[in-house]
Amino acid sequence: MAQGWSSLLEELVNRVADCLIATSDLDYYMDLRGVCRHWRFSTADPRSYQQEPRFRTHPVGHAGRRQVLLLQV
């Protein structure tokens, strides 16, 4: 079964990724990138595009800015 998911078309993987980014759901976006090597290479790496607005966090609450820790795998 895992082989079937990992062979999804790159276009479909990117559509799902774009939906996750559009809803500011970076946690799930990073989970999606971690599914398999194909999905990771099919999607943009936030560490490489730190200035891109899609990967910036939005201010929340009294703590200032929400932070996302991006670990190297």
Foldseek 3Di string as FASTA:
>chain_A
DLVVVLPDDLVVLVVVLVVCLVVVNVVVNVVQLVSDVSSVVSDDDCVVVVVDPSPAFDADDPPGTDDDDDDDD
